[in-house]
Amino acid sequence: MLDTFENWLVGMTGTSSVWWIEIFIIVFVVLLLGYAVNKGFASLDRHARKTRNVWDDALVEASRQPAVWLVWVVGVNFAAGIVARVMESPWYDFVEPVNRVAVLFLGALFLVNFIKRAEQNLVDPAYLSDPYDATTVRAVGKLARISVIITVTLIAMQLFGYSIGGVLAFGGIGGIAVGFAAKDLLANFFGGLMIYLDRPFSVGDWIRSPDKEIEGTVEDIGWRLTRIRTFDKRPLYIPNAIFTSISVENPSRMLNRRIYETIGVRYDDLPGVNDIVSDVKTMLENHPDIDATLTLMVNFNQFAASSLDFFIYTFTKTTDWVQFHEIKQNILLNIAAIIESHDAEIAFPTSTLHIVGEPPEALVTEPPGVS
């Protein structure tokens, strides 16, 4: 192709030294193509933003940078090849392999960019009414990017004459040695993989473990460590392998919050206990923040040492921690008002002394010598 182009230039100019004209034309064409490609992708990007499709935005944004770079890399490489040939430099033989490697790595850059943008779109409510789980999307994206990088590296080595078979064989033997030497690291890696696949928790969830002193909000799930922010704002770093051997609670995924309280009234208020219990139950059934479709119980429970106890067992509609306590406070104050409306009182520990009959008169003994 270059020989045909040179022959045409020689015929047009009538001189055999046309290499500087070739370079000028190549640089001019590269600038023109780079500008045109950039403008073309800007137009495509404007049209893609008008749709809610997940993939067109990712495709356009991922292609733009590699396409512009491809024009520049290939053009500059051709110009450098012409200079190397004129100067009879040995670098001329590397022009074609370098072009192939450049195209290969720009293709890899496109795939990596596409995966990153697809990750963002798949968890963004602006693109999907039901976004995918962020933790799972992130794990799949990481695996896909690692696969692209390894594949491109092996192909590039093959282009430069290295034997992929030997590399893979060495990698297999080395992998066994590394496996023994870094078993804890591998355990954490597979522990992180299980978290990504099983999804017992996600970034942003509040978790705790009854087996370990672990409680807080998940900030990051890495391949080796999971970072948790405790409620006193300290970062807690947990090796992922730990989660394969402990129980983990995820309060963030609860559907409701429970109110379970025992209230006692005085023994003197025994005649009104039935009415108090009935009114409290009615109040809970009609409360706007109580989920009446779930278990709701209000029953006289026991004759305690200093009180007649009844309990309430119900669930709020909200799971928000702050709002839950506001609702619970309102309910407890309503119960106190109901007890007071029945001329009763909330009991507290007391002791009553009952004296039966009159005490016998003390025997009085007159001292000697008294008449």
Protein backbone atom coordinates (compact mmCIF):
# COMPACT_ATOMS: atom_id res chain seq x y z
CA MET A 1 0.00 0.00 0.00
CA LEU A 2 2.81 2.41 0.91
CA ASP A 3 4.76 1.45 -2.26
CA THR A 4 1.74 2.27 -4.44
CA PHE A 5 1.28 5.57 -2.63
CA GLU A 6 4.97 6.46 -3.09
CA ASN A 7 4.95 5.61 -6.81
CA TRP A 8 1.93 7.87 -7.25
CA LEU A 9 3.70 10.72 -5.42
CA VAL A 10 6.88 10.25 -7.50
CA GLY A 11 4.81 10.45 -10.68
CA MET A 12 3.01 13.56 -9.42
CA THR A 13 6.09 15.43 -8.15
CA GLY A 14 8.73 14.15 -10.57
CA THR A 15 11.24 13.60 -7.75
CA SER A 16 12.30 10.45 -5.95
CA SER A 17 12.65 12.09 -2.49
CA VAL A 18 9.03 12.26 -1.41
CA TRP A 19 9.25 10.85 2.11
CA TRP A 20 8.69 14.26 3.75
CA ILE A 21 5.56 14.71 1.66
CA GLU A 22 4.33 11.32 2.80
CA ILE A 23 4.82 12.26 6.44
CA PHE A 24 3.06 15.58 5.96
CA ILE A 25 0.09 13.90 4.28
CA ILE A 26 -0.11 11.18 6.94
CA VAL A 27 -0.04 13.72 9.80
CA PHE A 28 -2.65 15.87 8.06
CA VAL A 29 -4.93 12.88 7.43
CA VAL A 30 -4.48 11.71 11.07
CA LEU A 31 -5.49 15.15 12.38
CA LEU A 32 -8.49 15.23 10.05
CA LEU A 33 -9.61 11.68 10.91
CA GLY A 34 -9.10 12.26 14.66
CA TYR A 35 -11.29 15.36 14.53
CA ALA A 36 -13.95 13.61 12.44
CA VAL A 37 -14.01 10.55 14.71
CA ASN A 38 -14.28 12.72 17.83
CA LYS A 39 -17.16 14.71 16.34
CA GLY A 40 -18.89 11.56 15.18
CA PHE A 41 -18.80 9.98 18.63
CA ALA A 42 -19.99 13.24 20.23
CA SER A 43 -23.06 13.09 17.98
CA LEU A 44 -23.65 9.42 18.79
CA ASP A 45 -23.31 10.19 22.51
CA ARG A 46 -26.02 12.88 22.32
CA HIS A 47 -28.42 10.42 20.66
CA ALA A 48 -27.57 7.64 23.13
CA ARG A 49 -28.31 9.88 26.14
CA LYS A 50 -31.88 10.35 24.90
CA THR A 51 -32.65 6.65 25.42
CA ARG A 52 -32.93 4.58 28.60
CA ASN A 53 -31.14 1.63 27.02
CA VAL A 54 -28.35 0.24 29.20
CA TRP A 55 -26.00 -0.76 26.42
CA ASP A 56 -25.90 2.05 23.84
CA ASP A 57 -24.44 4.59 26.31
CA ALA A 58 -21.84 2.06 27.41
CA LEU A 59 -20.94 1.14 23.83
CA VAL A 60 -20.51 4.73 22.64
CA GLU A 61 -18.56 5.91 25.67
CA ALA A 62 -16.30 2.83 25.64
CA SER A 63 -15.54 3.18 21.91
CA ARG A 64 -14.77 6.88 21.78
CA GLN A 65 -11.34 6.97 23.43
CA PRO A 66 -9.92 3.80 21.78
CA ALA A 67 -11.14 4.92 18.33
CA VAL A 68 -9.43 8.32 18.55
CA TRP A 69 -6.26 6.76 19.93
CA LEU A 70 -6.30 4.14 17.19
CA VAL A 71 -6.20 6.83 14.51
CA TRP A 72 -3.31 8.60 16.23
CA VAL A 73 -1.29 5.49 17.08
CA VAL A 74 -1.55 3.90 13.65
CA GLY A 75 -0.91 7.19 11.82
CA VAL A 76 2.11 8.18 13.89
CA ASN A 77 3.45 4.64 13.66
CA PHE A 78 3.24 4.71 9.86
CA ALA A 79 5.04 8.07 9.78
CA ALA A 80 7.76 6.71 12.09
CA GLY A 81 8.05 3.66 9.82
CA ILE A 82 8.70 5.87 6.78
CA VAL A 83 11.43 7.76 8.62
CA ALA A 84 13.01 4.47 9.82
CA ARG A 85 12.99 3.08 6.27
CA VAL A 86 14.59 6.20 4.79
CA MET A 87 17.27 6.11 7.46
CA GLU A 88 17.62 2.34 6.99
CA SER A 89 16.99 1.81 10.69
CA PRO A 90 16.30 -1.72 12.04
CA TRP A 91 13.23 -0.32 13.80
CA TYR A 92 11.38 -0.49 10.47
CA ASP A 93 10.79 -4.22 11.00
CA PHE A 94 8.85 -3.46 14.21
CA VAL A 95 6.28 -1.19 12.59
CA GLU A 96 3.83 -3.93 11.70
CA PRO A 97 4.08 -5.85 15.05
CA VAL A 98 3.70 -2.59 16.99
CA ASN A 99 0.60 -1.74 14.97
CA ARG A 100 -0.90 -5.13 15.78
CA VAL A 101 -0.13 -4.82 19.49
CA ALA A 102 -1.54 -1.28 19.53
CA VAL A 103 -4.78 -2.47 17.93
CA LEU A 104 -4.89 -5.38 20.41
CA PHE A 105 -4.46 -3.20 23.50
CA LEU A 106 -6.89 -0.57 22.23
CA GLY A 107 -9.41 -3.37 21.76
CA ALA A 108 -8.73 -4.42 25.36
CA LEU A 109 -9.20 -0.80 26.47
CA PHE A 110 -12.56 -0.74 24.71
CA LEU A 111 -13.69 -3.93 26.48
CA VAL A 112 -12.52 -2.71 29.89
CA ASN A 113 -14.28 0.66 29.43
CA PHE A 114 -17.42 -1.08 28.21
CA ILE A 115 -17.48 -3.36 31.27
CA LYS A 116 -16.99 -0.41 33.65
CA ARG A 117 -19.77 1.65 32.09
CA ALA A 118 -22.09 -1.36 31.90
CA GLU A 119 -21.51 -1.89 35.66
CA GLN A 120 -22.64 1.66 36.36
CA ASN A 121 -25.72 1.42 34.13
CA LEU A 122 -26.89 -1.94 35.51
CA VAL A 123 -27.15 -0.57 39.07
CA ASP A 124 -28.48 2.87 38.12
CA PRO A 125 -32.27 3.37 38.54
CA ALA A 126 -32.12 5.93 35.70
CA TYR A 127 -31.52 3.06 33.25
CA LEU A 128 -33.34 0.16 34.92
CA SER A 129 -36.55 0.26 36.93
CA ASP A 130 -35.29 -2.78 38.84
CA PRO A 131 -31.47 -2.39 39.08
CA TYR A 132 -29.25 -5.40 39.61
CA ASP A 133 -27.53 -6.04 42.93
CA ALA A 134 -24.44 -3.79 43.06
CA THR A 135 -22.27 -6.38 44.80
CA THR A 136 -22.94 -9.08 42.20
CA VAL A 137 -22.47 -6.71 39.25
CA ARG A 138 -19.17 -5.54 40.70
CA ALA A 139 -17.91 -9.12 41.16
CA VAL A 140 -18.83 -10.15 37.61
CA GLY A 141 -17.23 -6.96 36.27
CA LYS A 142 -13.98 -7.65 38.09
CA LEU A 143 -13.81 -11.20 36.75
CA ALA A 144 -14.55 -10.02 33.21
CA ARG A 145 -11.83 -7.34 33.34
CA ILE A 146 -9.27 -9.79 34.70
CA SER A 147 -10.15 -12.24 31.92
CA VAL A 148 -9.70 -9.55 29.24
CA ILE A 149 -6.32 -8.44 30.63
CA ILE A 150 -4.95 -11.98 30.88
CA THR A 151 -6.16 -12.91 27.39
CA VAL A 152 -4.70 -9.79 25.76
CA THR A 153 -1.38 -10.26 27.55
CA LEU A 154 -1.07 -13.85 26.31
CA ILE A 155 -1.95 -12.87 22.72
CA ALA A 156 0.61 -10.02 22.82
CA MET A 157 3.29 -12.44 24.01
CA GLN A 158 2.42 -14.76 21.12
CA LEU A 159 2.79 -11.86 18.65
CA PHE A 160 6.33 -11.23 19.87
CA GLY A 161 7.31 -14.88 19.52
CA TYR A 162 6.87 -16.16 23.07
CA SER A 163 5.38 -19.63 23.51
CA ILE A 164 2.01 -19.45 25.29
CA GLY A 165 2.14 -23.20 25.94
CA GLY A 166 5.34 -22.83 27.95
CA VAL A 167 3.90 -19.91 29.91
CA LEU A 168 0.74 -21.87 30.74
CA ALA A 169 2.76 -24.93 31.78
CA PHE A 170 4.97 -22.80 34.01
CA GLY A 171 1.87 -21.10 35.40
CA GLY A 172 0.33 -24.45 36.30
CA ILE A 173 3.40 -25.62 38.21
CA GLY A 174 3.88 -22.21 39.78
CA GLY A 175 0.22 -22.08 40.72
CA ILE A 176 0.58 -25.18 42.88
CA ALA A 177 3.53 -23.67 44.72
CA VAL A 178 1.76 -20.35 45.15
CA GLY A 179 -1.34 -22.16 46.39
CA PHE A 180 0.58 -23.76 49.25
CA ALA A 181 2.44 -20.56 50.09
CA ALA A 182 -0.61 -18.29 49.98
CA LYS A 183 -3.42 -20.52 51.23
CA ASP A 184 -4.77 -17.79 53.53
CA LEU A 185 -4.81 -15.33 50.66
CA LEU A 186 -6.67 -17.83 48.47
CA ALA A 187 -9.09 -18.58 51.31
CA ASN A 188 -9.91 -14.87 51.53
CA PHE A 189 -10.27 -14.66 47.75
CA PHE A 190 -12.76 -17.53 47.62
CA GLY A 191 -14.48 -16.16 50.71
CA GLY A 192 -15.00 -12.89 48.83
CA LEU A 193 -16.24 -14.81 45.81
CA MET A 194 -18.83 -16.60 47.97
CA ILE A 195 -19.99 -13.24 49.35
CA TYR A 196 -20.45 -11.97 45.79
CA LEU A 197 -22.36 -15.10 44.73
CA ASP A 198 -24.44 -15.83 47.86
CA ARG A 199 -25.04 -12.14 48.66
CA PRO A 200 -25.62 -12.43 52.43
CA PHE A 201 -24.98 -8.68 52.54
CA SER A 202 -24.20 -5.80 50.20
CA VAL A 203 -22.43 -2.47 50.45
CA GLY A 204 -24.54 -0.19 52.65
CA ASP A 205 -26.11 -3.00 54.72
CA TRP A 206 -26.01 -3.03 58.51
CA ILE A 207 -24.69 -6.42 59.63
CA ARG A 208 -23.68 -8.07 62.90
CA SER A 209 -22.43 -11.46 64.01
CA PRO A 210 -23.45 -13.25 67.22
CA ASP A 211 -20.23 -15.28 66.96
CA LYS A 212 -17.80 -12.36 66.73
CA GLU A 213 -17.74 -8.75 67.88
CA ILE A 214 -18.71 -7.54 64.43
CA GLU A 215 -21.40 -4.91 63.93
CA GLY A 216 -21.62 -1.95 61.61
CA THR A 217 -22.32 -0.78 58.08
CA VAL A 218 -20.59 -2.46 55.13
CA GLU A 219 -18.54 0.09 53.19
CA ASP A 220 -16.56 -2.09 50.80
CA ILE A 221 -16.30 -5.76 49.80
CA GLY A 222 -12.88 -6.47 48.35
CA TRP A 223 -11.31 -9.70 47.16
CA ARG A 224 -9.36 -10.08 50.43
CA LEU A 225 -10.97 -7.81 53.01
CA THR A 226 -14.40 -6.44 53.81
CA ARG A 227 -14.44 -2.98 55.38
CA ILE A 228 -17.15 -2.30 57.97
CA ARG A 229 -17.78 1.07 59.61
CA THR A 230 -18.77 0.51 63.24
CA PHE A 231 -21.35 2.72 64.95
CA ASP A 232 -18.63 4.69 66.70
CA LYS A 233 -17.26 5.45 63.17
CA ARG A 234 -14.18 3.24 63.36
CA PRO A 235 -13.22 1.19 60.28
CA LEU A 236 -13.18 -2.57 60.88
CA TYR A 237 -11.33 -4.76 58.35
CA ILE A 238 -12.50 -8.40 58.24
CA PRO A 239 -10.73 -11.09 56.16
CA ASN A 240 -13.34 -12.60 53.84
CA ALA A 241 -12.50 -16.15 54.95
CA ILE A 242 -14.03 -15.33 58.36
CA PHE A 243 -17.51 -15.06 56.85
CA THR A 244 -17.43 -18.71 55.73
CA SER A 245 -17.30 -19.90 59.34
CA ILE A 246 -19.53 -17.48 61.30
CA SER A 247 -23.20 -16.59 61.41
CA VAL A 248 -24.11 -13.16 60.06
CA GLU A 249 -27.29 -11.24 60.78
CA ASN A 250 -28.47 -8.63 58.30
CA PRO A 251 -30.92 -6.30 60.06
CA SER A 252 -31.01 -4.07 56.95
CA ARG A 253 -33.14 -6.69 55.21
CA MET A 254 -35.76 -7.03 57.95
CA LEU A 255 -39.33 -6.46 56.79
CA ASN A 256 -40.64 -4.97 60.05
CA ARG A 257 -39.44 -4.07 63.53
CA ARG A 258 -40.92 -5.68 66.62
CA ILE A 259 -42.24 -4.03 69.77
CA TYR A 260 -42.30 -6.47 72.68
CA GLU A 261 -42.86 -4.88 76.07
CA THR A 262 -44.26 -5.92 79.47
CA ILE A 263 -46.25 -3.37 81.47
CA GLY A 264 -47.40 -3.81 85.08
CA VAL A 265 -50.28 -2.19 87.00
CA ARG A 266 -50.98 -2.27 90.75
CA TYR A 267 -52.80 -5.14 92.43
CA ASP A 268 -55.39 -2.58 93.52
CA ASP A 269 -56.27 -2.12 89.82
CA LEU A 270 -57.22 -5.78 89.24
CA PRO A 271 -60.91 -5.00 88.40
CA GLY A 272 -59.84 -2.77 85.49
CA VAL A 273 -57.14 -4.97 83.97
CA ASN A 274 -59.44 -6.55 81.38
CA ASP A 275 -60.65 -3.15 80.12
CA ILE A 276 -57.09 -1.79 80.01
CA VAL A 277 -55.87 -4.74 77.95
CA SER A 278 -58.84 -4.42 75.57
CA ASP A 279 -58.31 -0.67 75.04
CA VAL A 280 -54.58 -1.10 74.46
CA LYS A 281 -55.25 -3.76 71.83
CA THR A 282 -57.78 -1.54 70.07
CA MET A 283 -55.31 1.35 70.10
CA LEU A 284 -52.62 -0.82 68.45
CA GLU A 285 -55.01 -2.20 65.82
CA ASN A 286 -55.94 1.35 64.78
CA HIS A 287 -52.45 2.85 65.00
CA PRO A 288 -51.31 4.06 61.52
CA ASP A 289 -47.71 2.92 62.06
CA ILE A 290 -48.51 -0.62 63.24
CA ASP A 291 -48.79 -3.48 60.72
CA ALA A 292 -52.04 -5.08 61.82
CA THR A 293 -51.66 -7.87 59.24
CA LEU A 294 -48.89 -9.42 61.33
CA THR A 295 -49.06 -10.97 64.79
CA LEU A 296 -50.59 -8.53 67.28
CA MET A 297 -51.03 -9.69 70.87
CA VAL A 298 -52.01 -7.88 74.07
CA ASN A 299 -52.66 -10.23 76.99
CA PHE A 300 -52.61 -10.31 80.79
CA ASN A 301 -49.52 -12.37 81.48
CA GLN A 302 -48.72 -12.97 85.13
CA PHE A 303 -49.14 -12.11 88.78
CA ALA A 304 -45.74 -10.63 89.46
CA ALA A 305 -44.23 -9.82 92.84
CA SER A 306 -45.33 -6.18 92.80
CA SER A 307 -47.60 -5.88 89.74
CA LEU A 308 -50.18 -7.38 87.45
CA ASP A 309 -48.31 -7.75 84.17
CA PHE A 310 -49.63 -7.67 80.62
CA PHE A 311 -47.51 -7.68 77.46
CA ILE A 312 -47.77 -6.16 73.99
CA TYR A 313 -46.35 -7.94 70.94
CA THR A 314 -46.64 -6.18 67.61
CA PHE A 315 -44.70 -5.00 64.54
CA THR A 316 -44.16 -1.56 63.05
CA LYS A 317 -44.45 -0.89 59.32
CA THR A 318 -41.12 0.89 59.20
CA THR A 319 -37.66 -0.62 59.59
CA ASP A 320 -35.92 2.71 60.08
CA TRP A 321 -34.16 2.70 63.45
CA VAL A 322 -34.88 6.35 64.37
CA GLN A 323 -38.49 6.30 63.20
CA PHE A 324 -39.08 3.00 65.03
CA HIS A 325 -38.16 4.56 68.37
CA GLU A 326 -40.42 7.53 67.70
CA ILE A 327 -43.32 5.12 67.08
CA LYS A 328 -42.46 3.06 70.15
CA GLN A 329 -42.37 6.17 72.33
CA ASN A 330 -45.79 7.24 71.05
CA ILE A 331 -47.27 3.80 71.77
CA LEU A 332 -45.88 3.62 75.31
CA LEU A 333 -47.24 7.08 76.11
CA ASN A 334 -50.64 6.06 74.71
CA ILE A 335 -50.60 2.99 76.96
CA ALA A 336 -49.79 5.19 79.96
CA ALA A 337 -52.74 7.44 79.06
CA ILE A 338 -55.10 4.44 78.76
CA ILE A 339 -54.03 3.14 82.19
CA GLU A 340 -54.59 6.58 83.71
CA SER A 341 -58.02 6.87 82.06
CA HIS A 342 -59.12 3.78 84.02
CA ASP A 343 -58.01 5.37 87.32
CA ALA A 344 -55.16 2.89 87.48
CA GLU A 345 -51.43 3.37 87.88
CA ILE A 346 -48.31 1.77 86.45
CA ALA A 347 -46.79 -0.38 89.16
CA PHE A 348 -43.35 -0.11 90.62
CA PRO A 349 -41.69 -2.37 93.20
CA THR A 350 -43.47 -1.92 96.57
CA SER A 351 -43.93 -3.89 99.79
CA THR A 352 -47.14 -3.91 101.83
CA LEU A 353 -47.21 -4.92 105.51
CA HIS A 354 -50.48 -6.45 106.71
CA ILE A 355 -51.08 -6.53 110.48
CA VAL A 356 -53.72 -9.09 111.57
CA GLY A 357 -55.66 -8.29 114.81
CA GLU A 358 -54.48 -6.27 117.83
CA PRO A 359 -51.14 -7.06 119.42
CA PRO A 360 -51.46 -8.61 122.96
CA GLU A 361 -50.95 -6.26 125.89
CA ALA A 362 -47.52 -6.37 127.34
CA LEU A 363 -47.18 -7.81 130.79
CA VAL A 364 -46.22 -5.01 133.17
CA THR A 365 -44.19 -6.03 136.20
CA GLU A 366 -43.96 -3.49 138.98
CA PRO A 367 -40.57 -3.10 140.44
CA PRO A 368 -40.12 -4.19 144.06
CA GLY A 369 -40.92 -1.62 146.72
CA VAL A 370 -43.59 0.14 144.65
CA SER A 371 -47.10 0.18 146.22
